Amino acid sequence: QAQLAAVLKSTGEAAGFNREQLNEMGQALADATTFDAGSITRAQTALLAFSGIVGDDFVKAQQAAADMAARMGTD
């Protein structure tokens, strides 16, 4: 959570989501997949470093990352 907060601060929440919203999205994704919320938060943190991925594109990229990780057997 500290790293998530740090990247949100450094990017000025460029993706268009605050920490609470990201945690809610992450929990929903965790509930729908085999990944735990911590793994999803780490993926969100990495995606947020790409400040050009915003709004619905961020949501799609997050889902695509989960799908690819599932196919590859990684987290």
Protein backbone atom coordinates (compact mmCIF):
# COMPACT_ATOMS: atom_id res chain seq x y z
CA GLN A 1 0.00 0.00 0.00
CA ALA A 2 2.90 2.35 0.68
CA GLN A 3 4.32 1.81 -2.81
CA LEU A 4 0.87 2.28 -4.32
CA ALA A 5 0.46 5.55 -2.42
CA ALA A 6 3.93 6.69 -3.51
CA VAL A 7 3.32 6.07 -7.21
CA LEU A 8 -0.07 7.77 -7.01
CA LYS A 9 1.58 10.80 -5.45
CA SER A 10 4.46 10.87 -7.92
CA THR A 11 2.15 10.63 -10.93
CA GLY A 12 -0.48 12.98 -9.52
CA GLU A 13 -3.05 10.18 -9.84
CA ALA A 14 -2.64 10.44 -13.62
CA ALA A 15 -4.55 7.19 -14.18
CA GLY A 16 -7.65 8.89 -12.80
CA PHE A 17 -8.08 6.71 -9.73
CA ASN A 18 -7.30 7.21 -6.05
CA ARG A 19 -6.02 4.54 -3.69
CA GLU A 20 -9.47 3.62 -2.40
CA GLN A 21 -10.79 3.14 -5.94
CA LEU A 22 -7.77 1.04 -6.89
CA ASN A 23 -8.18 -1.11 -3.79
CA GLU A 24 -11.85 -1.67 -4.65
CA MET A 25 -10.93 -2.60 -8.24
CA GLY A 26 -8.18 -4.86 -6.96
CA GLN A 27 -10.48 -6.65 -4.54
CA ALA A 28 -13.08 -7.17 -7.27
CA LEU A 29 -10.40 -8.62 -9.54
CA ALA A 30 -9.11 -10.83 -6.71
CA ASP A 31 -12.63 -12.12 -6.14
CA ALA A 32 -12.98 -12.97 -9.83
CA THR A 33 -9.54 -14.57 -10.32
CA THR A 34 -7.06 -16.84 -8.58
CA PHE A 35 -4.84 -13.89 -7.65
CA ASP A 36 -4.75 -12.36 -4.19
CA ALA A 37 -5.26 -8.67 -3.55
CA GLY A 38 -1.57 -8.16 -2.75
CA SER A 39 -0.49 -9.48 -6.15
CA ILE A 40 -3.03 -7.28 -7.85
CA THR A 41 -1.86 -4.22 -5.90
CA ARG A 42 1.71 -4.91 -7.01
CA ALA A 43 0.53 -5.14 -10.63
CA GLN A 44 -1.46 -1.93 -10.27
CA THR A 45 1.60 -0.19 -8.85
CA ALA A 46 3.68 -1.28 -11.84
CA LEU A 47 0.99 -0.18 -14.32
CA LEU A 48 0.63 3.21 -12.66
CA ALA A 49 4.25 3.97 -13.53
CA PHE A 50 3.04 4.25 -17.14
CA SER A 51 1.23 7.55 -16.74
CA GLY A 52 -0.23 7.33 -20.26
CA ILE A 53 -2.46 4.41 -19.25
CA VAL A 54 -5.51 6.19 -17.88
CA GLY A 55 -9.18 5.67 -17.18
CA ASP A 56 -10.79 2.73 -18.94
CA ASP A 57 -7.47 1.86 -20.59
CA PHE A 58 -6.00 1.33 -17.11
CA VAL A 59 -8.86 -1.02 -16.21
CA LYS A 60 -8.36 -2.93 -19.47
CA ALA A 61 -4.59 -3.13 -18.97
CA GLN A 62 -5.07 -4.43 -15.44
CA GLN A 63 -7.39 -7.17 -16.74
CA ALA A 64 -5.02 -7.99 -19.59
CA ALA A 65 -2.14 -8.34 -17.12
CA ALA A 66 -4.20 -10.73 -14.99
CA ASP A 67 -5.21 -12.75 -18.05
CA MET A 68 -1.61 -13.00 -19.26
CA ALA A 69 -0.34 -13.99 -15.83
CA ALA A 70 -3.00 -16.70 -15.59
CA ARG A 71 -2.08 -18.06 -19.03
CA MET A 72 1.61 -18.06 -18.16
CA GLY A 73 1.10 -19.54 -14.70
CA THR A 74 2.67 -16.55 -12.92
CA ASP A 75 1.41 -13.76 -10.71
